[in-house]
Amino acid sequence: MKPVIIISTYPDKKSISKIANELVKNKTVACVNVSKISSIYSWKGKIENSSEYIAIFKTVTKNKKLLKKKILETHPYQIPEIAELTVSSLNKSYLNWLIESTN
């Protein structure tokens, strides 16, 4: 099984905490890192400067489709970011934990 990282941004900690806890509990993901960030982006013709929370979802290939679906279904944004990163290298002990935590 291969590791996959999915990244998304959220408007507040409450909106990411609920889905993150659910996804870890049902073993869709092994871990979700959440951190406050500053984002600068264009939205509806204006440049926005806002605080957001970035969520880094860590899972395996067999769960990525379900994870993306859950993010899309529960996300508060009209157009959520759902970016998949391919992991080409991961230390063996962490990979083993990742696989065990998602089975």
PDB file of N, CA and C in Angstrom:
ATOM      1  N   MET A   1       0.829  -1.180   0.000  1.00  0.00           N
ATOM      2  CA  MET A   1       0.000   0.000   0.000  1.00  0.00           C
ATOM      3  C   MET A   1       0.876   1.246   0.000  1.00  0.00           C
ATOM      4  N   LYS A   2       0.460   2.246  -0.759  1.00  0.00           N
ATOM      5  CA  LYS A   2       1.251   3.469  -0.868  1.00  0.00           C
ATOM      6  C   LYS A   2       0.623   4.595  -0.053  1.00  0.00           C
ATOM      7  N   PRO A   3       1.493   5.454   0.518  1.00  0.00           N
ATOM      8  CA  PRO A   3       0.973   6.596   1.271  1.00  0.00           C
ATOM      9  C   PRO A   3       0.489   7.704   0.345  1.00  0.00           C
ATOM     10  N   VAL A   4      -0.499   8.449   0.811  1.00  0.00           N
ATOM     11  CA  VAL A   4      -1.043   9.587   0.075  1.00  0.00           C
ATOM     12  C   VAL A   4      -1.266  10.721   1.062  1.00  0.00           C
ATOM     13  N   ILE A   5      -0.980  11.929   0.615  1.00  0.00           N
ATOM     14  CA  ILE A   5      -1.263  13.120   1.409  1.00  0.00           C
ATOM     15  C   ILE A   5      -2.257  13.974   0.636  1.00  0.00           C
ATOM     16  N   ILE A   6      -3.319  14.366   1.315  1.00  0.00           N
ATOM     17  CA  ILE A   6      -4.320  15.262   0.742  1.00  0.00           C
ATOM     18  C   ILE A   6      -4.294  16.547   1.564  1.00  0.00           C
ATOM     19  N   ILE A   7      -4.279  17.679   0.884  1.00  0.00           N
ATOM     20  CA  ILE A   7      -4.239  18.975   1.556  1.00  0.00           C
ATOM     21  C   ILE A   7      -5.517  19.746   1.240  1.00  0.00           C
ATOM     22  N   SER A   8      -6.027  20.426   2.265  1.00  0.00           N
ATOM     23  CA  SER A   8      -7.170  21.310   2.083  1.00  0.00           C
ATOM     24  C   SER A   8      -7.062  22.443   3.096  1.00  0.00           C
ATOM     25  N   THR A   9      -7.695  23.572   2.801  1.00  0.00           N
ATOM     26  CA  THR A   9      -7.720  24.685   3.742  1.00  0.00           C
ATOM     27  C   THR A   9      -9.141  24.906   4.230  1.00  0.00           C
ATOM     28  N   TYR A  10      -9.248  25.365   5.466  1.00  0.00           N
ATOM     29  CA  TYR A  10     -10.542  25.560   6.128  1.00  0.00           C
ATOM     30  C   TYR A  10     -10.590  26.945   6.765  1.00  0.00           C
ATOM     31  N   PRO A  11     -11.793  27.512   6.922  1.00  0.00           N
ATOM     32  CA  PRO A  11     -11.914  28.869   7.452  1.00  0.00           C
ATOM     33  C   PRO A  11     -11.661  28.987   8.951  1.00  0.00           C
ATOM     34  N   ASP A  12     -11.860  27.890   9.691  1.00  0.00           N
ATOM     35  CA  ASP A  12     -11.677  27.952  11.141  1.00  0.00           C
ATOM     36  C   ASP A  12     -11.348  26.561  11.675  1.00  0.00           C
ATOM     37  N   LYS A  13     -10.853  26.545  12.890  1.00  0.00           N
ATOM     38  CA  LYS A  13     -10.423  25.282  13.481  1.00  0.00           C
ATOM     39  C   LYS A  13     -11.600  24.342  13.748  1.00  0.00           C
ATOM     40  N   LYS A  14     -12.748  24.891  14.100  1.00  0.00           N
ATOM     41  CA  LYS A  14     -13.930  24.074  14.397  1.00  0.00           C
ATOM     42  C   LYS A  14     -14.343  23.243  13.183  1.00  0.00           C
ATOM     43  N   SER A  15     -14.331  23.859  11.988  1.00  0.00           N
ATOM     44  CA  SER A  15     -14.786  23.150  10.785  1.00  0.00           C
ATOM     45  C   SER A  15     -13.865  21.997  10.394  1.00  0.00           C
ATOM     46  N   ILE A  16     -12.571  22.111  10.673  1.00  0.00           N
ATOM     47  CA  ILE A  16     -11.665  21.008  10.356  1.00  0.00           C
ATOM     48  C   ILE A  16     -11.626  19.977  11.483  1.00  0.00           C
ATOM     49  N   SER A  17     -11.760  20.408  12.720  1.00  0.00           N
ATOM     50  CA  SER A  17     -11.648  19.480  13.852  1.00  0.00           C
ATOM     51  C   SER A  17     -12.703  18.382  13.803  1.00  0.00           C
ATOM     52  N   LYS A  18     -13.920  18.747  13.485  1.00  0.00           N
ATOM     53  CA  LYS A  18     -15.010  17.758  13.461  1.00  0.00           C
ATOM     54  C   LYS A  18     -14.743  16.661  12.431  1.00  0.00           C
ATOM     55  N   ILE A  19     -14.444  17.045  11.193  1.00  0.00           N
ATOM     56  CA  ILE A  19     -14.225  16.043  10.152  1.00  0.00           C
ATOM     57  C   ILE A  19     -12.924  15.269  10.399  1.00  0.00           C
ATOM     58  N   ALA A  20     -11.897  15.943  10.910  1.00  0.00           N
ATOM     59  CA  ALA A  20     -10.628  15.265  11.180  1.00  0.00           C
ATOM     60  C   ALA A  20     -10.812  14.156  12.215  1.00  0.00           C
ATOM     61  N   ASN A  21     -11.522  14.465  13.285  1.00  0.00           N
ATOM     62  CA  ASN A  21     -11.761  13.452  14.314  1.00  0.00           C
ATOM     63  C   ASN A  21     -12.562  12.269  13.776  1.00  0.00           C
ATOM     64  N   GLU A  22     -13.548  12.551  12.961  1.00  0.00           N
ATOM     65  CA  GLU A  22     -14.356  11.483  12.368  1.00  0.00           C
ATOM     66  C   GLU A  22     -13.507  10.594  11.458  1.00  0.00           C
ATOM     67  N   LEU A  23     -12.668  11.205  10.642  1.00  0.00           N
ATOM     68  CA  LEU A  23     -11.854  10.449   9.691  1.00  0.00           C
ATOM     69  C   LEU A  23     -10.803   9.582  10.382  1.00  0.00           C
ATOM     70  N   VAL A  24     -10.230  10.081  11.476  1.00  0.00           N
ATOM     71  CA  VAL A  24      -9.269   9.278  12.230  1.00  0.00           C
ATOM     72  C   VAL A  24      -9.999   8.143  12.939  1.00  0.00           C
ATOM     73  N   LYS A  25     -11.140   8.446  13.520  1.00  0.00           N
ATOM     74  CA  LYS A  25     -11.912   7.433  14.248  1.00  0.00           C
ATOM     75  C   LYS A  25     -12.326   6.275  13.349  1.00  0.00           C
ATOM     76  N   ASN A  26     -12.771   6.586  12.113  1.00  0.00           N
ATOM     77  CA  ASN A  26     -13.207   5.498  11.227  1.00  0.00           C
ATOM     78  C   ASN A  26     -12.073   4.950  10.346  1.00  0.00           C
ATOM     79  N   LYS A  27     -10.851   5.359  10.634  1.00  0.00           N
ATOM     80  CA  LYS A  27      -9.628   4.854   9.988  1.00  0.00           C
ATOM     81  C   LYS A  27      -9.522   5.179   8.502  1.00  0.00           C
ATOM     82  N   THR A  28     -10.195   6.241   8.070  1.00  0.00           N
ATOM     83  CA  THR A  28     -10.006   6.707   6.697  1.00  0.00           C
ATOM     84  C   THR A  28      -8.631   7.349   6.567  1.00  0.00           C
ATOM     85  N   VAL A  29      -8.200   8.015   7.637  1.00  0.00           N
ATOM     86  CA  VAL A  29      -6.863   8.615   7.693  1.00  0.00           C
ATOM     87  C   VAL A  29      -6.178   8.158   8.969  1.00  0.00           C
ATOM     88  N   ALA A  30      -4.848   8.198   8.943  1.00  0.00           N
ATOM     89  CA  ALA A  30      -4.086   7.869  10.146  1.00  0.00           C
ATOM     90  C   ALA A  30      -3.880   9.111  11.003  1.00  0.00           C
ATOM     91  N   CYS A  31      -3.836  10.271  10.332  1.00  0.00           N
ATOM     92  CA  CYS A  31      -3.472  11.501  11.017  1.00  0.00           C
ATOM     93  C   CYS A  31      -3.929  12.697  10.187  1.00  0.00           C
ATOM     94  N   VAL A  32      -4.263  13.791  10.878  1.00  0.00           N
ATOM     95  CA  VAL A  32      -4.531  15.059  10.206  1.00  0.00           C
ATOM     96  C   VAL A  32      -3.747  16.133  10.958  1.00  0.00           C
ATOM     97  N   ASN A  33      -2.822  16.774  10.267  1.00  0.00           N
ATOM     98  CA  ASN A  33      -2.110  17.906  10.854  1.00  0.00           C
ATOM     99  C   ASN A  33      -2.893  19.163  10.529  1.00  0.00           C
ATOM    100  N   VAL A  34      -3.104  20.004  11.532  1.00  0.00           N
ATOM    101  CA  VAL A  34      -3.860  21.244  11.361  1.00  0.00           C
ATOM    102  C   VAL A  34      -3.006  22.400  11.873  1.00  0.00           C
ATOM    103  N   SER A  35      -2.870  23.427  11.044  1.00  0.00           N
ATOM    104  CA  SER A  35      -2.063  24.577  11.434  1.00  0.00           C
ATOM    105  C   SER A  35      -2.658  25.861  10.871  1.00  0.00           C
ATOM    106  N   LYS A  36      -2.586  26.930  11.632  1.00  0.00           N
ATOM    107  CA  LYS A  36      -3.094  28.222  11.190  1.00  0.00           C
ATOM    108  C   LYS A  36      -2.109  28.825  10.185  1.00  0.00           C
ATOM    109  N   ILE A  37      -2.667  29.385   9.115  1.00  0.00           N
ATOM    110  CA  ILE A  37      -1.846  29.993   8.062  1.00  0.00           C
ATOM    111  C   ILE A  37      -2.468  31.320   7.626  1.00  0.00           C
ATOM    112  N   SER A  38      -1.701  32.099   6.896  1.00  0.00           N
ATOM    113  CA  SER A  38      -2.208  33.301   6.234  1.00  0.00           C
ATOM    114  C   SER A  38      -2.289  33.002   4.749  1.00  0.00           C
ATOM    115  N   SER A  39      -3.422  33.330   4.146  1.00  0.00           N
ATOM    116  CA  SER A  39      -3.623  33.065   2.723  1.00  0.00           C
ATOM    117  C   SER A  39      -3.935  34.362   1.984  1.00  0.00           C
ATOM    118  N   ILE A  40      -3.349  34.498   0.818  1.00  0.00           N
ATOM    119  CA  ILE A  40      -3.612  35.631  -0.073  1.00  0.00           C
ATOM    120  C   ILE A  40      -4.072  35.025  -1.392  1.00  0.00           C
ATOM    121  N   TYR A  41      -5.281  35.405  -1.824  1.00  0.00           N
ATOM    122  CA  TYR A  41      -5.846  34.787  -3.017  1.00  0.00           C
ATOM    123  C   TYR A  41      -6.869  35.722  -3.648  1.00  0.00           C
ATOM    124  N   SER A  42      -7.208  35.418  -4.887  1.00  0.00           N
ATOM    125  CA  SER A  42      -8.214  36.182  -5.608  1.00  0.00           C
ATOM    126  C   SER A  42      -9.548  35.471  -5.478  1.00  0.00           C
ATOM    127  N   TRP A  43     -10.597  36.223  -5.099  1.00  0.00           N
ATOM    128  CA  TRP A  43     -11.930  35.640  -4.981  1.00  0.00           C
ATOM    129  C   TRP A  43     -12.961  36.670  -5.410  1.00  0.00           C
ATOM    130  N   LYS A  44     -13.717  36.326  -6.444  1.00  0.00           N
ATOM    131  CA  LYS A  44     -14.774  37.183  -6.983  1.00  0.00           C
ATOM    132  C   LYS A  44     -14.266  38.586  -7.302  1.00  0.00           C
ATOM    133  N   GLY A  45     -13.100  38.621  -7.957  1.00  0.00           N
ATOM    134  CA  GLY A  45     -12.545  39.881  -8.438  1.00  0.00           C
ATOM    135  C   GLY A  45     -11.796  40.713  -7.406  1.00  0.00           C
ATOM    136  N   LYS A  46     -11.648  40.202  -6.197  1.00  0.00           N
ATOM    137  CA  LYS A  46     -10.935  40.934  -5.152  1.00  0.00           C
ATOM    138  C   LYS A  46      -9.767  40.113  -4.628  1.00  0.00           C
ATOM    139  N   ILE A  47      -8.721  40.806  -4.192  1.00  0.00           N
ATOM    140  CA  ILE A  47      -7.607  40.126  -3.526  1.00  0.00           C
ATOM    141  C   ILE A  47      -7.963  40.009  -2.048  1.00  0.00           C
ATOM    142  N   GLU A  48      -7.954  38.796  -1.562  1.00  0.00           N
ATOM    143  CA  GLU A  48      -8.295  38.520  -0.163  1.00  0.00           C
ATOM    144  C   GLU A  48      -7.027  38.199   0.633  1.00  0.00           C
ATOM    145  N   ASN A  49      -6.969  38.680   1.844  1.00  0.00           N
ATOM    146  CA  ASN A  49      -5.924  38.345   2.810  1.00  0.00           C
ATOM    147  C   ASN A  49      -6.652  37.803   4.032  1.00  0.00           C
ATOM    148  N   SER A  50      -6.507  36.523   4.304  1.00  0.00           N
ATOM    149  CA  SER A  50      -7.263  35.958   5.416  1.00  0.00           C
ATOM    150  C   SER A  50      -6.473  34.903   6.165  1.00  0.00           C
ATOM    151  N   SER A  51      -6.928  34.643   7.376  1.00  0.00           N
ATOM    152  CA  SER A  51      -6.391  33.538   8.165  1.00  0.00           C
ATOM    153  C   SER A  51      -7.216  32.304   7.835  1.00  0.00           C
ATOM    154  N   GLU A  52      -6.536  31.195   7.686  1.00  0.00           N
ATOM    155  CA  GLU A  52      -7.193  29.919   7.430  1.00  0.00           C
ATOM    156  C   GLU A  52      -6.450  28.856   8.217  1.00  0.00           C
ATOM    157  N   TYR A  53      -6.966  27.647   8.154  1.00  0.00           N
ATOM    158  CA  TYR A  53      -6.293  26.492   8.729  1.00  0.00           C
ATOM    159  C   TYR A  53      -6.011  25.512   7.601  1.00  0.00           C
ATOM    160  N   ILE A  54      -4.758  25.074   7.530  1.00  0.00           N
ATOM    161  CA  ILE A  54      -4.398  24.074   6.531  1.00  0.00           C
ATOM    162  C   ILE A  54      -4.488  22.703   7.192  1.00  0.00           C
ATOM    163  N   ALA A  55      -5.092  21.785   6.485  1.00  0.00           N
ATOM    164  CA  ALA A  55      -5.226  20.412   6.969  1.00  0.00           C
ATOM    165  C   ALA A  55      -4.437  19.496   6.046  1.00  0.00           C
ATOM    166  N   ILE A  56      -3.569  18.716   6.642  1.00  0.00           N
ATOM    167  CA  ILE A  56      -2.771  17.739   5.904  1.00  0.00           C
ATOM    168  C   ILE A  56      -3.261  16.357   6.332  1.00  0.00           C
ATOM    169  N   PHE A  57      -3.998  15.710   5.437  1.00  0.00           N
ATOM    170  CA  PHE A  57      -4.584  14.404   5.699  1.00  0.00           C
ATOM    171  C   PHE A  57      -3.608  13.318   5.235  1.00  0.00           C
ATOM    172  N   LYS A  58      -3.286  12.387   6.110  1.00  0.00           N
ATOM    173  CA  LYS A  58      -2.346  11.310   5.779  1.00  0.00           C
ATOM    174  C   LYS A  58      -3.105   9.994   5.725  1.00  0.00           C
ATOM    175  N   THR A  59      -3.041   9.355   4.562  1.00  0.00           N
ATOM    176  CA  THR A  59      -3.778   8.109   4.361  1.00  0.00           C
ATOM    177  C   THR A  59      -3.026   7.207   3.391  1.00  0.00           C
ATOM    178  N   VAL A  60      -3.718   6.204   2.893  1.00  0.00           N
ATOM    179  CA  VAL A  60      -3.155   5.278   1.906  1.00  0.00           C
ATOM    180  C   VAL A  60      -4.040   5.282   0.659  1.00  0.00           C
ATOM    181  N   THR A  61      -3.506   4.765  -0.437  1.00  0.00           N
ATOM    182  CA  THR A  61      -4.185   4.849  -1.731  1.00  0.00           C
ATOM    183  C   THR A  61      -5.601   4.274  -1.707  1.00  0.00           C
ATOM    184  N   LYS A  62      -5.825   3.191  -0.977  1.00  0.00           N
ATOM    185  CA  LYS A  62      -7.160   2.574  -0.973  1.00  0.00           C
ATOM    186  C   LYS A  62      -8.222   3.482  -0.355  1.00  0.00           C
ATOM    187  N   ASN A  63      -7.824   4.488   0.429  1.00  0.00           N
ATOM    188  CA  ASN A  63      -8.778   5.367   1.099  1.00  0.00           C
ATOM    189  C   ASN A  63      -8.906   6.755   0.470  1.00  0.00           C
ATOM    190  N   LYS A  64      -8.097   7.052  -0.526  1.00  0.00           N
ATOM    191  CA  LYS A  64      -8.069   8.437  -1.021  1.00  0.00           C
ATOM    192  C   LYS A  64      -9.372   8.875  -1.695  1.00  0.00           C
ATOM    193  N   LYS A  65     -10.032   7.992  -2.394  1.00  0.00           N
ATOM    194  CA  LYS A  65     -11.289   8.361  -3.057  1.00  0.00           C
ATOM    195  C   LYS A  65     -12.359   8.699  -2.014  1.00  0.00           C
ATOM    196  N   LEU A  66     -12.481   7.857  -0.989  1.00  0.00           N
ATOM    197  CA  LEU A  66     -13.434   8.109   0.090  1.00  0.00           C
ATOM    198  C   LEU A  66     -13.082   9.401   0.833  1.00  0.00           C
ATOM    199  N   LEU A  67     -11.808   9.612   1.100  1.00  0.00           N
ATOM    200  CA  LEU A  67     -11.364  10.832   1.789  1.00  0.00           C
ATOM    201  C   LEU A  67     -11.745  12.077   1.002  1.00  0.00           C
ATOM    202  N   LYS A  68     -11.460  12.104  -0.284  1.00  0.00           N
ATOM    203  CA  LYS A  68     -11.801  13.257  -1.121  1.00  0.00           C
ATOM    204  C   LYS A  68     -13.315  13.496  -1.132  1.00  0.00           C
ATOM    205  N   LYS A  69     -14.085  12.421  -1.193  1.00  0.00           N
ATOM    206  CA  LYS A  69     -15.552  12.529  -1.183  1.00  0.00           C
ATOM    207  C   LYS A  69     -16.026  13.142   0.130  1.00  0.00           C
ATOM    208  N   LYS A  70     -15.483  12.677   1.258  1.00  0.00           N
ATOM    209  CA  LYS A  70     -15.865  13.191   2.569  1.00  0.00           C
ATOM    210  C   LYS A  70     -15.500  14.664   2.720  1.00  0.00           C
ATOM    211  N   ILE A  71     -14.320  15.047   2.246  1.00  0.00           N
ATOM    212  CA  ILE A  71     -13.918  16.455   2.317  1.00  0.00           C
ATOM    213  C   ILE A  71     -14.910  17.298   1.527  1.00  0.00           C
ATOM    214  N   LEU A  72     -15.209  16.874   0.317  1.00  0.00           N
ATOM    215  CA  LEU A  72     -16.128  17.613  -0.541  1.00  0.00           C
ATOM    216  C   LEU A  72     -17.524  17.732   0.080  1.00  0.00           C
ATOM    217  N   GLU A  73     -18.014  16.650   0.658  1.00  0.00           N
ATOM    218  CA  GLU A  73     -19.351  16.639   1.261  1.00  0.00           C
ATOM    219  C   GLU A  73     -19.471  17.522   2.508  1.00  0.00           C
ATOM    220  N   THR A  74     -18.396  17.636   3.261  1.00  0.00           N
ATOM    221  CA  THR A  74     -18.466  18.321   4.557  1.00  0.00           C
ATOM    222  C   THR A  74     -17.817  19.699   4.569  1.00  0.00           C
ATOM    223  N   HIS A  75     -17.168  20.070   3.497  1.00  0.00           N
ATOM    224  CA  HIS A  75     -16.387  21.309   3.482  1.00  0.00           C
ATOM    225  C   HIS A  75     -17.291  22.540   3.458  1.00  0.00           C
ATOM    226  N   PRO A  76     -16.946  23.565   4.260  1.00  0.00           N
ATOM    227  CA  PRO A  76     -17.771  24.773   4.295  1.00  0.00           C
ATOM    228  C   PRO A  76     -17.558  25.721   3.107  1.00  0.00           C
ATOM    229  N   TYR A  77     -16.464  25.567   2.368  1.00  0.00           N
ATOM    230  CA  TYR A  77     -16.210  26.464   1.245  1.00  0.00           C
ATOM    231  C   TYR A  77     -17.017  26.080   0.008  1.00  0.00           C
ATOM    232  N   GLN A  78     -17.364  27.073  -0.779  1.00  0.00           N
ATOM    233  CA  GLN A  78     -18.069  26.852  -2.044  1.00  0.00           C
ATOM    234  C   GLN A  78     -17.186  26.066  -3.008  1.00  0.00           C
ATOM    235  N   ILE A  79     -15.898  26.399  -3.033  1.00  0.00           N
ATOM    236  CA  ILE A  79     -14.932  25.706  -3.892  1.00  0.00           C
ATOM    237  C   ILE A  79     -13.743  25.278  -3.019  1.00  0.00           C
ATOM    238  N   PRO A  80     -13.818  24.098  -2.411  1.00  0.00           N
ATOM    239  CA  PRO A  80     -12.722  23.668  -1.543  1.00  0.00           C
ATOM    240  C   PRO A  80     -11.505  23.186  -2.330  1.00  0.00           C
ATOM    241  N   GLU A  81     -10.356  23.419  -1.745  1.00  0.00           N
ATOM    242  CA  GLU A  81      -9.111  22.866  -2.288  1.00  0.00           C
ATOM    243  C   GLU A  81      -9.006  21.416  -1.821  1.00  0.00           C
ATOM    244  N   ILE A  82      -8.762  20.522  -2.765  1.00  0.00           N
ATOM    245  CA  ILE A  82      -8.489  19.127  -2.438  1.00  0.00           C
ATOM    246  C   ILE A  82      -7.299  18.722  -3.307  1.00  0.00           C
ATOM    247  N   ALA A  83      -6.105  18.886  -2.752  1.00  0.00           N
ATOM    248  CA  ALA A  83      -4.877  18.635  -3.504  1.00  0.00           C
ATOM    249  C   ALA A  83      -4.245  17.328  -3.038  1.00  0.00           C
ATOM    250  N   GLU A  84      -3.969  16.447  -3.991  1.00  0.00           N
ATOM    251  CA  GLU A  84      -3.341  15.159  -3.677  1.00  0.00           C
ATOM    252  C   GLU A  84      -1.850  15.245  -3.972  1.00  0.00           C
ATOM    253  N   LEU A  85      -1.052  14.860  -2.980  1.00  0.00           N
ATOM    254  CA  LEU A  85       0.398  14.828  -3.152  1.00  0.00           C
ATOM    255  C   LEU A  85       0.853  13.377  -3.173  1.00  0.00           C
ATOM    256  N   THR A  86       1.690  13.060  -4.130  1.00  0.00           N
ATOM    257  CA  THR A  86       2.258  11.723  -4.212  1.00  0.00           C
ATOM    258  C   THR A  86       3.488  11.666  -3.320  1.00  0.00           C
ATOM    259  N   VAL A  87       3.553  10.659  -2.500  1.00  0.00           N
ATOM    260  CA  VAL A  87       4.690  10.474  -1.600  1.00  0.00           C
ATOM    261  C   VAL A  87       5.623   9.458  -2.238  1.00  0.00           C
ATOM    262  N   SER A  88       6.823   9.903  -2.575  1.00  0.00           N
ATOM    263  CA  SER A  88       7.758   8.996  -3.239  1.00  0.00           C
ATOM    264  C   SER A  88       8.673   8.279  -2.255  1.00  0.00           C
ATOM    265  N   SER A  89       8.766   8.808  -1.049  1.00  0.00           N
ATOM    266  CA  SER A  89       9.623   8.185  -0.061  1.00  0.00           C
ATOM    267  C   SER A  89       9.067   8.461   1.339  1.00  0.00           C
ATOM    268  N   LEU A  90       9.080   7.427   2.177  1.00  0.00           N
ATOM    269  CA  LEU A  90       8.601   7.555   3.550  1.00  0.00           C
ATOM    270  C   LEU A  90       9.321   6.502   4.375  1.00  0.00           C
ATOM    271  N   ASN A  91       9.804   6.902   5.555  1.00  0.00           N
ATOM    272  CA  ASN A  91      10.528   5.925   6.366  1.00  0.00           C
ATOM    273  C   ASN A  91       9.625   4.745   6.715  1.00  0.00           C
ATOM    274  N   LYS A  92      10.226   3.559   6.740  1.00  0.00           N
ATOM    275  CA  LYS A  92       9.482   2.308   6.849  1.00  0.00           C
ATOM    276  C   LYS A  92       8.621   2.222   8.104  1.00  0.00           C
ATOM    277  N   SER A  93       9.148   2.640   9.235  1.00  0.00           N
ATOM    278  CA  SER A  93       8.370   2.519  10.472  1.00  0.00           C
ATOM    279  C   SER A  93       7.137   3.424  10.439  1.00  0.00           C
ATOM    280  N   TYR A  94       7.257   4.619   9.852  1.00  0.00           N
ATOM    281  CA  TYR A  94       6.096   5.511   9.739  1.00  0.00           C
ATOM    282  C   TYR A  94       5.083   4.946   8.747  1.00  0.00           C
ATOM    283  N   LEU A  95       5.580   4.410   7.636  1.00  0.00           N
ATOM    284  CA  LEU A  95       4.693   3.801   6.649  1.00  0.00           C
ATOM    285  C   LEU A  95       3.920   2.634   7.275  1.00  0.00           C
ATOM    286  N   ASN A  96       4.607   1.811   8.051  1.00  0.00           N
ATOM    287  CA  ASN A  96       3.939   0.684   8.721  1.00  0.00           C
ATOM    288  C   ASN A  96       2.844   1.184   9.657  1.00  0.00           C
ATOM    289  N   TRP A  97       3.133   2.244  10.419  1.00  0.00           N
ATOM    290  CA  TRP A  97       2.131   2.822  11.318  1.00  0.00           C
ATOM    291  C   TRP A  97       0.944   3.373  10.517  1.00  0.00           C
ATOM    292  N   LEU A  98       1.229   4.039   9.405  1.00  0.00           N
ATOM    293  CA  LEU A  98       0.202   4.603   8.550  1.00  0.00           C
ATOM    294  C   LEU A  98      -0.737   3.504   8.031  1.00  0.00           C
ATOM    295  N   ILE A  99      -0.169   2.450   7.535  1.00  0.00           N
ATOM    296  CA  ILE A  99      -0.963   1.327   7.024  1.00  0.00           C
ATOM    297  C   ILE A  99      -1.781   0.684   8.137  1.00  0.00           C
ATOM    298  N   GLU A 100      -1.144   0.450   9.287  1.00  0.00           N
ATOM    299  CA  GLU A 100      -1.846  -0.161  10.417  1.00  0.00           C
ATOM    300  C   GLU A 100      -2.993   0.731  10.911  1.00  0.00           C
ATOM    301  N   SER A 101      -2.786   2.026  10.898  1.00  0.00           N
ATOM    302  CA  SER A 101      -3.803   2.965  11.411  1.00  0.00           C
ATOM    303  C   SER A 101      -4.982   3.165  10.459  1.00  0.00           C
ATOM    304  N   THR A 102      -4.853   2.705   9.231  1.00  0.00           N
ATOM    305  CA  THR A 102      -5.929   2.871   8.245  1.00  0.00           C
ATOM    306  C   THR A 102      -6.545   1.528   7.853  1.00  0.00           C
ATOM    307  N   ASN A 103      -6.246   0.496   8.584  1.00  0.00           N
ATOM    308  CA  ASN A 103      -6.832  -0.839   8.325  1.00  0.00           C
ATOM    309  C   ASN A 103      -7.792  -1.225   9.409  1.00  0.00           C
TER     310      ASN A 103
END
